[in-house]
Each structure stands twice: as structure tokens, then as C-alpha cells.
Amino acid sequence: MKRRKPVILNKGDVIKTNPQNGYWGCAIVLDVQEHNDEFQPLCLVAVTDFVSMEDFSFELPEITYKVGYGKGDGYPLCGPITEGLGFQAVIAWRKANEKEAFMLDVEGTRQITENVLRR
């Protein structure tokens, strides 16, 4: 019987998951143990609570600390949020500037996640 080649993961790798059609998430490799006399190779993986209903990529945007208006490369103090901002920056900005809409989005996402987990 032919052995499958093992998937090689490294500490810090981010893994895109697709647990169910129409939903994507991500996990992070926290630690890796290579094969030894006692154990097969293994990984310690943390599953995040991030759930998206749209497929996504891991292209990291460049984030600058220049103040702007939500257009171009500046951090918005007002105006629309662009896709080029980092996820954490968007959350912080929305909590400060769009708290009601942000909390509605959080509640909606929580409801969707609970419905998925019930299936």
C-alpha cells in the first residue's frame, strides 16, 4: 500500500477551513512536533471564531499609520472603510464610529454561527 505524503505545516501557518458549503473559517498552527520514536508527527491547531459566508484569501494588506478619509492608504477618521485595512483596524474603527451598526453585525454573525453549529 502506497503511503500518502504528509502535509507539512509550520508553527504560525494559517489554514483556511471550509466546514460546510457556503461557510469559511480559519485556524492557526500553534506548535508542531516531528516524528520521533514515541510519537507520529502532530500539530497543535487553534480554531478561531472567525466565520465568513464569502470565500477569502490570505493576502495581507499594507497598513499605514497615516491619517486619511477611508480612501487610499490612510487610516480613516471618517468616511467609508476600504477593503485595504487590516481586520483589527476595521473592528476598532467601527466600535468607535459605527457602534450601533457594528453591534447589529456582531449579533447577526453570532446568530448565523449558532445556526450553523446546530446543524
N, C-alpha and C. Protein backbone atom coordinates (compact mmCIF):
# COMPACT_ATOMS: atom_id res chain seq x y z
N MET A 1 0.84 -1.18 0.00
CA MET A 1 0.00 0.00 0.00
C MET A 1 0.89 1.24 0.00
N LYS A 2 0.57 2.17 -0.88
CA LYS A 2 1.36 3.39 -1.01
C LYS A 2 1.02 4.36 0.12
N ARG A 3 2.03 4.89 0.78
CA ARG A 3 1.82 5.86 1.86
C ARG A 3 1.59 7.24 1.29
N ARG A 4 0.64 7.94 1.90
CA ARG A 4 0.40 9.32 1.48
C ARG A 4 1.51 10.19 2.01
N LYS A 5 1.89 11.19 1.23
CA LYS A 5 2.88 12.16 1.68
C LYS A 5 2.23 13.05 2.74
N PRO A 6 2.86 13.22 3.91
CA PRO A 6 2.24 14.02 4.96
C PRO A 6 2.16 15.50 4.57
N VAL A 7 1.14 16.16 5.07
CA VAL A 7 1.01 17.60 4.89
C VAL A 7 2.00 18.25 5.84
N ILE A 8 2.82 19.11 5.33
CA ILE A 8 3.83 19.76 6.17
C ILE A 8 3.31 21.12 6.60
N LEU A 9 3.13 21.27 7.89
CA LEU A 9 2.69 22.52 8.46
C LEU A 9 3.78 23.06 9.37
N ASN A 10 3.82 24.36 9.47
CA ASN A 10 4.80 25.01 10.32
C ASN A 10 4.09 25.86 11.36
N LYS A 11 4.75 26.05 12.48
CA LYS A 11 4.22 26.91 13.53
C LYS A 11 3.93 28.28 12.94
N GLY A 12 2.72 28.80 13.18
CA GLY A 12 2.34 30.10 12.65
C GLY A 12 1.56 30.05 11.35
N ASP A 13 1.49 28.88 10.71
CA ASP A 13 0.72 28.77 9.47
C ASP A 13 -0.76 29.05 9.75
N VAL A 14 -1.41 29.69 8.80
CA VAL A 14 -2.85 29.94 8.89
C VAL A 14 -3.52 29.03 7.87
N ILE A 15 -4.56 28.34 8.33
CA ILE A 15 -5.25 27.35 7.50
C ILE A 15 -6.67 27.84 7.24
N LYS A 16 -7.05 27.90 5.95
CA LYS A 16 -8.43 28.25 5.62
C LYS A 16 -9.27 26.99 5.70
N THR A 17 -10.40 27.07 6.41
CA THR A 17 -11.27 25.91 6.55
C THR A 17 -12.56 26.14 5.76
N ASN A 18 -13.21 25.06 5.39
CA ASN A 18 -14.49 25.12 4.69
C ASN A 18 -15.36 23.99 5.26
N PRO A 19 -15.83 24.17 6.52
CA PRO A 19 -16.53 23.08 7.20
C PRO A 19 -17.87 22.71 6.58
N GLN A 20 -18.46 23.63 5.87
CA GLN A 20 -19.76 23.39 5.26
C GLN A 20 -19.89 24.31 4.05
N ASN A 21 -20.59 23.86 3.02
CA ASN A 21 -20.77 24.70 1.84
C ASN A 21 -21.31 26.07 2.24
N GLY A 22 -20.67 27.12 1.73
CA GLY A 22 -21.13 28.47 1.98
C GLY A 22 -20.54 29.11 3.22
N TYR A 23 -19.64 28.42 3.93
CA TYR A 23 -19.03 28.97 5.14
C TYR A 23 -17.52 28.69 5.13
N TRP A 24 -16.75 29.69 5.52
CA TRP A 24 -15.30 29.55 5.61
C TRP A 24 -14.82 30.08 6.96
N GLY A 25 -13.75 29.52 7.43
CA GLY A 25 -13.15 29.96 8.68
C GLY A 25 -11.65 29.83 8.60
N CYS A 26 -10.97 30.01 9.72
CA CYS A 26 -9.52 29.82 9.69
C CYS A 26 -9.04 29.27 11.03
N ALA A 27 -7.91 28.60 10.96
CA ALA A 27 -7.25 28.03 12.12
C ALA A 27 -5.77 28.40 12.04
N ILE A 28 -5.09 28.32 13.17
CA ILE A 28 -3.68 28.71 13.23
C ILE A 28 -2.88 27.58 13.86
N VAL A 29 -1.76 27.21 13.24
CA VAL A 29 -0.88 26.18 13.79
C VAL A 29 -0.08 26.80 14.93
N LEU A 30 -0.31 26.32 16.15
CA LEU A 30 0.37 26.86 17.32
C LEU A 30 1.70 26.17 17.60
N ASP A 31 1.77 24.87 17.30
CA ASP A 31 3.00 24.13 17.57
C ASP A 31 3.04 22.90 16.67
N VAL A 32 4.25 22.41 16.40
CA VAL A 32 4.44 21.24 15.56
C VAL A 32 5.42 20.31 16.26
N GLN A 33 5.11 19.02 16.24
CA GLN A 33 6.04 18.03 16.78
C GLN A 33 6.38 17.07 15.66
N GLU A 34 7.65 16.90 15.40
CA GLU A 34 8.08 15.99 14.35
C GLU A 34 8.00 14.55 14.85
N HIS A 35 8.08 13.62 13.92
CA HIS A 35 8.06 12.20 14.24
C HIS A 35 9.26 11.87 15.13
N ASN A 36 9.02 11.04 16.14
CA ASN A 36 10.13 10.52 16.94
C ASN A 36 9.82 9.07 17.29
N ASP A 37 10.64 8.45 18.13
CA ASP A 37 10.45 7.03 18.45
C ASP A 37 9.12 6.75 19.16
N GLU A 38 8.59 7.74 19.85
CA GLU A 38 7.36 7.53 20.62
C GLU A 38 6.10 8.00 19.90
N PHE A 39 6.22 9.04 19.08
CA PHE A 39 5.02 9.66 18.51
C PHE A 39 5.14 9.87 17.01
N GLN A 40 3.96 9.82 16.36
CA GLN A 40 3.86 10.24 14.97
C GLN A 40 3.91 11.77 14.94
N PRO A 41 4.15 12.38 13.78
CA PRO A 41 4.13 13.85 13.74
C PRO A 41 2.74 14.37 14.09
N LEU A 42 2.70 15.52 14.75
CA LEU A 42 1.41 16.11 15.09
C LEU A 42 1.51 17.62 15.15
N CYS A 43 0.35 18.26 15.08
CA CYS A 43 0.26 19.72 15.16
C CYS A 43 -0.76 20.10 16.21
N LEU A 44 -0.48 21.16 16.93
CA LEU A 44 -1.45 21.77 17.83
C LEU A 44 -2.05 22.93 17.04
N VAL A 45 -3.36 22.86 16.80
CA VAL A 45 -4.03 23.84 15.95
C VAL A 45 -5.12 24.55 16.75
N ALA A 46 -5.16 25.87 16.66
CA ALA A 46 -6.21 26.66 17.30
C ALA A 46 -7.23 27.03 16.23
N VAL A 47 -8.49 26.71 16.49
CA VAL A 47 -9.57 27.09 15.59
C VAL A 47 -10.10 28.44 16.06
N THR A 48 -10.12 29.42 15.18
CA THR A 48 -10.61 30.75 15.55
C THR A 48 -12.12 30.81 15.46
N ASP A 49 -12.70 31.87 15.98
CA ASP A 49 -14.15 32.03 15.90
C ASP A 49 -14.57 32.84 14.67
N PHE A 50 -13.64 33.06 13.76
CA PHE A 50 -13.93 33.78 12.52
C PHE A 50 -14.75 32.89 11.59
N VAL A 51 -15.90 33.40 11.14
CA VAL A 51 -16.74 32.69 10.16
C VAL A 51 -17.12 33.67 9.07
N SER A 52 -16.93 33.28 7.82
CA SER A 52 -17.29 34.13 6.69
C SER A 52 -18.24 33.36 5.77
N MET A 53 -19.19 34.06 5.22
CA MET A 53 -20.08 33.44 4.24
C MET A 53 -19.57 33.68 2.83
N GLU A 54 -18.39 34.30 2.71
CA GLU A 54 -17.75 34.51 1.42
C GLU A 54 -16.34 33.95 1.50
N ASP A 55 -15.91 33.31 0.42
CA ASP A 55 -14.55 32.79 0.35
C ASP A 55 -13.58 33.97 0.48
N PHE A 56 -12.42 33.74 1.04
CA PHE A 56 -11.47 34.82 1.24
C PHE A 56 -10.06 34.33 0.95
N SER A 57 -9.14 35.26 0.85
CA SER A 57 -7.73 34.90 0.64
C SER A 57 -6.92 35.47 1.79
N PHE A 58 -5.67 35.05 1.88
CA PHE A 58 -4.80 35.49 2.96
C PHE A 58 -3.84 36.59 2.53
N GLU A 59 -4.17 37.30 1.51
CA GLU A 59 -3.31 38.40 1.10
C GLU A 59 -3.38 39.48 2.17
N LEU A 60 -2.23 39.79 2.74
CA LEU A 60 -2.20 40.77 3.81
C LEU A 60 -2.09 42.18 3.25
N PRO A 61 -2.97 43.06 3.65
CA PRO A 61 -2.88 44.44 3.16
C PRO A 61 -1.76 45.18 3.88
N GLU A 62 -1.23 46.17 3.22
CA GLU A 62 -0.26 47.04 3.90
C GLU A 62 -1.02 48.09 4.66
N ILE A 63 -0.76 48.18 5.93
CA ILE A 63 -1.44 49.15 6.77
C ILE A 63 -0.46 50.25 7.14
N THR A 64 -0.87 51.47 6.90
CA THR A 64 -0.03 52.60 7.27
C THR A 64 -0.66 53.30 8.47
N TYR A 65 0.10 54.14 9.11
CA TYR A 65 -0.42 54.89 10.25
C TYR A 65 -0.76 56.32 9.86
N LYS A 66 -0.78 56.58 8.56
CA LYS A 66 -1.13 57.90 8.06
C LYS A 66 -2.64 58.09 8.16
N VAL A 67 -3.05 59.24 8.66
CA VAL A 67 -4.48 59.54 8.78
C VAL A 67 -5.05 59.87 7.41
N GLY A 68 -6.23 59.36 7.11
CA GLY A 68 -6.87 59.63 5.83
C GLY A 68 -8.37 59.72 6.01
N TYR A 69 -9.07 59.51 4.92
CA TYR A 69 -10.53 59.62 4.93
C TYR A 69 -11.20 58.32 4.52
N GLY A 70 -10.52 57.19 4.71
CA GLY A 70 -11.10 55.91 4.33
C GLY A 70 -10.92 55.59 2.87
N LYS A 71 -10.23 56.44 2.13
CA LYS A 71 -9.94 56.20 0.72
C LYS A 71 -8.42 56.24 0.58
N GLY A 72 -7.88 55.38 -0.26
CA GLY A 72 -6.43 55.35 -0.41
C GLY A 72 -5.79 54.59 0.73
N ASP A 73 -4.61 55.07 1.17
CA ASP A 73 -3.86 54.28 2.13
C ASP A 73 -3.89 54.83 3.56
N GLY A 74 -4.69 55.82 3.85
CA GLY A 74 -4.72 56.40 5.19
C GLY A 74 -5.74 55.74 6.10
N TYR A 75 -5.47 55.76 7.40
CA TYR A 75 -6.39 55.23 8.39
C TYR A 75 -7.56 56.21 8.52
N PRO A 76 -8.79 55.73 8.38
CA PRO A 76 -9.91 56.67 8.35
C PRO A 76 -10.28 57.23 9.72
N LEU A 77 -10.44 58.52 9.78
CA LEU A 77 -11.05 59.14 10.95
C LEU A 77 -12.52 59.38 10.67
N CYS A 78 -12.86 59.37 9.38
CA CYS A 78 -14.25 59.45 8.96
C CYS A 78 -14.32 58.93 7.54
N GLY A 79 -15.51 58.68 7.05
CA GLY A 79 -15.68 58.21 5.68
C GLY A 79 -15.81 56.71 5.61
N PRO A 80 -15.91 56.15 4.39
CA PRO A 80 -16.12 54.71 4.22
C PRO A 80 -14.86 53.91 4.58
N ILE A 81 -15.09 52.67 4.94
CA ILE A 81 -13.97 51.76 5.23
C ILE A 81 -13.59 51.05 3.95
N THR A 82 -12.32 51.06 3.61
CA THR A 82 -11.87 50.36 2.41
C THR A 82 -11.47 48.95 2.76
N GLU A 83 -11.43 48.07 1.75
CA GLU A 83 -11.03 46.69 1.97
C GLU A 83 -9.56 46.56 2.30
N GLY A 84 -8.75 47.59 2.06
CA GLY A 84 -7.32 47.52 2.27
C GLY A 84 -6.89 47.62 3.72
N LEU A 85 -7.82 47.89 4.62
CA LEU A 85 -7.45 47.99 6.02
C LEU A 85 -7.39 46.61 6.65
N GLY A 86 -6.57 46.46 7.66
CA GLY A 86 -6.49 45.19 8.38
C GLY A 86 -7.76 44.95 9.19
N PHE A 87 -8.06 43.68 9.43
CA PHE A 87 -9.28 43.30 10.13
C PHE A 87 -9.38 43.97 11.50
N GLN A 88 -8.29 43.98 12.27
CA GLN A 88 -8.33 44.58 13.60
C GLN A 88 -8.59 46.08 13.52
N ALA A 89 -8.02 46.74 12.54
CA ALA A 89 -8.22 48.18 12.38
C ALA A 89 -9.68 48.48 12.08
N VAL A 90 -10.31 47.66 11.28
CA VAL A 90 -11.72 47.86 10.94
C VAL A 90 -12.59 47.69 12.18
N ILE A 91 -12.32 46.66 12.96
CA ILE A 91 -13.11 46.43 14.17
C ILE A 91 -12.97 47.61 15.12
N ALA A 92 -11.74 48.05 15.37
CA ALA A 92 -11.53 49.19 16.28
C ALA A 92 -12.23 50.44 15.76
N TRP A 93 -12.13 50.70 14.47
CA TRP A 93 -12.75 51.89 13.88
C TRP A 93 -14.27 51.81 13.99
N ARG A 94 -14.84 50.64 13.67
CA ARG A 94 -16.29 50.50 13.72
C ARG A 94 -16.82 50.60 15.15
N LYS A 95 -16.09 50.04 16.12
CA LYS A 95 -16.53 50.16 17.52
C LYS A 95 -16.60 51.62 17.95
N ALA A 96 -15.65 52.42 17.47
CA ALA A 96 -15.61 53.83 17.86
C ALA A 96 -16.56 54.70 17.05
N ASN A 97 -16.78 54.37 15.78
CA ASN A 97 -17.50 55.28 14.88
C ASN A 97 -18.84 54.77 14.36
N GLU A 98 -19.07 53.47 14.42
CA GLU A 98 -20.33 52.88 13.95
C GLU A 98 -20.81 51.85 14.95
N LYS A 99 -20.83 52.22 16.22
CA LYS A 99 -21.09 51.24 17.28
C LYS A 99 -22.40 50.49 17.09
N GLU A 100 -23.50 51.20 16.81
CA GLU A 100 -24.80 50.52 16.66
C GLU A 100 -24.79 49.53 15.50
N ALA A 101 -24.32 49.97 14.34
CA ALA A 101 -24.27 49.09 13.17
C ALA A 101 -23.32 47.93 13.42
N PHE A 102 -22.20 48.19 14.08
CA PHE A 102 -21.23 47.14 14.38
C PHE A 102 -21.86 46.09 15.30
N MET A 103 -22.55 46.53 16.34
CA MET A 103 -23.16 45.59 17.28
C MET A 103 -24.26 44.77 16.59
N LEU A 104 -25.00 45.38 15.67
CA LEU A 104 -26.00 44.63 14.90
C LEU A 104 -25.33 43.56 14.04
N ASP A 105 -24.19 43.91 13.41
CA ASP A 105 -23.44 42.94 12.61
C ASP A 105 -22.92 41.80 13.48
N VAL A 106 -22.40 42.14 14.66
CA VAL A 106 -21.90 41.11 15.58
C VAL A 106 -23.03 40.16 15.97
N GLU A 107 -24.18 40.71 16.31
CA GLU A 107 -25.33 39.89 16.70
C GLU A 107 -25.79 39.02 15.53
N GLY A 108 -25.82 39.58 14.32
CA GLY A 108 -26.21 38.81 13.14
C GLY A 108 -25.24 37.66 12.88
N THR A 109 -23.95 37.93 13.01
CA THR A 109 -22.94 36.89 12.81
C THR A 109 -23.06 35.81 13.88
N ARG A 110 -23.32 36.23 15.12
CA ARG A 110 -23.50 35.26 16.20
C ARG A 110 -24.68 34.33 15.90
N GLN A 111 -25.78 34.90 15.43
CA GLN A 111 -26.96 34.11 15.09
C GLN A 111 -26.65 33.11 13.98
N ILE A 112 -25.95 33.57 12.95
CA ILE A 112 -25.58 32.69 11.82
C ILE A 112 -24.70 31.56 12.32
N THR A 113 -23.71 31.88 13.16
CA THR A 113 -22.80 30.87 13.69
C THR A 113 -23.55 29.84 14.52
N GLU A 114 -24.46 30.30 15.36
CA GLU A 114 -25.25 29.37 16.18
C GLU A 114 -26.10 28.46 15.30
N ASN A 115 -26.68 29.01 14.24
CA ASN A 115 -27.49 28.19 13.32
C ASN A 115 -26.64 27.13 12.63
N VAL A 116 -25.43 27.51 12.24
CA VAL A 116 -24.53 26.54 11.58
C VAL A 116 -24.16 25.43 12.55
N LEU A 117 -23.85 25.80 13.80
CA LEU A 117 -23.44 24.81 14.79
C LEU A 117 -24.58 23.87 15.19
N ARG A 118 -25.82 24.29 15.05
CA ARG A 118 -26.97 23.45 15.38
C ARG A 118 -27.20 22.37 14.32
N ARG A 119 -26.70 22.58 13.11
CA ARG A 119 -26.96 21.62 12.01
C ARG A 119 -26.28 20.31 12.22
